Amino acid sequence: MEKYADLPMDLADASLVLLAEYLEQGRIFSVDQRDFNTYRWKNTHPFQNLLLP
């Protein structure tokens, strides 16, 4: 959460980031496009939002 201090991260976002790191994959389903276009799992990997085409 400190890394993204300028982009408020709520508990749900933080949970998805931690879960992606634990499962070692960044496929998520979220309506939060702006944040998950910025967040990275494992510090470098972009998320793949399954909600978007």
Protein backbone atom coordinates (compact mmCIF):
# COMPACT_ATOMS: atom_id res chain seq x y z
CA MET A 1 0.00 0.00 0.00
CA GLU A 2 2.94 2.35 0.63
CA LYS A 3 4.10 1.95 -2.97
CA TYR A 4 0.76 3.27 -4.24
CA ALA A 5 0.27 5.98 -1.59
CA ASP A 6 -0.77 8.53 -4.25
CA LEU A 7 -3.49 6.14 -5.48
CA PRO A 8 -5.74 5.20 -2.54
CA MET A 9 -5.87 1.42 -2.13
CA ASP A 10 -8.78 0.02 -0.17
CA LEU A 11 -8.90 -3.33 1.58
CA ALA A 12 -10.49 -5.09 -1.41
CA ASP A 13 -7.77 -3.84 -3.79
CA ALA A 14 -5.00 -4.78 -1.37
CA SER A 15 -6.54 -8.24 -0.94
CA LEU A 16 -6.56 -8.82 -4.71
CA VAL A 17 -2.93 -7.71 -5.04
CA LEU A 18 -1.82 -10.00 -2.19
CA LEU A 19 -3.86 -12.90 -3.52
CA ALA A 20 -2.38 -12.48 -6.99
CA GLU A 21 1.11 -12.61 -5.51
CA TYR A 22 0.23 -15.67 -3.42
CA LEU A 23 -1.32 -17.52 -6.39
CA GLU A 24 1.41 -16.24 -8.73
CA GLN A 25 -0.98 -14.97 -11.37
CA GLY A 26 -2.51 -11.60 -12.10
CA ARG A 27 -5.85 -12.52 -13.63
CA ILE A 28 -8.54 -10.61 -11.74
CA PHE A 29 -12.18 -9.64 -12.16
CA SER A 30 -12.69 -6.02 -11.09
CA VAL A 31 -14.69 -2.97 -12.13
CA ASP A 32 -11.80 -0.83 -10.86
CA GLN A 33 -10.02 -0.25 -14.20
CA ARG A 34 -8.02 2.83 -13.20
CA ASP A 35 -6.37 1.28 -10.16
CA PHE A 36 -5.65 -2.11 -11.66
CA ASN A 37 -4.10 -0.54 -14.75
CA THR A 38 -1.61 1.02 -12.30
CA TYR A 39 -1.08 -1.74 -9.71
CA ARG A 40 1.46 -4.46 -10.41
CA TRP A 41 1.80 -7.88 -8.86
CA LYS A 42 5.30 -9.07 -8.05
CA ASN A 43 6.20 -5.37 -8.54
CA THR A 44 6.48 -5.66 -12.34
CA HIS A 45 3.65 -7.75 -13.78
CA PRO A 46 0.50 -5.92 -14.94
CA PHE A 47 -2.89 -7.35 -14.02
CA GLN A 48 -5.17 -8.90 -16.62
CA ASN A 49 -8.71 -7.76 -15.84
CA LEU A 50 -11.12 -10.45 -17.02
CA LEU A 51 -14.02 -7.99 -16.95
CA LEU A 52 -12.55 -6.00 -19.84
CA PRO A 53 -12.74 -7.20 -23.46
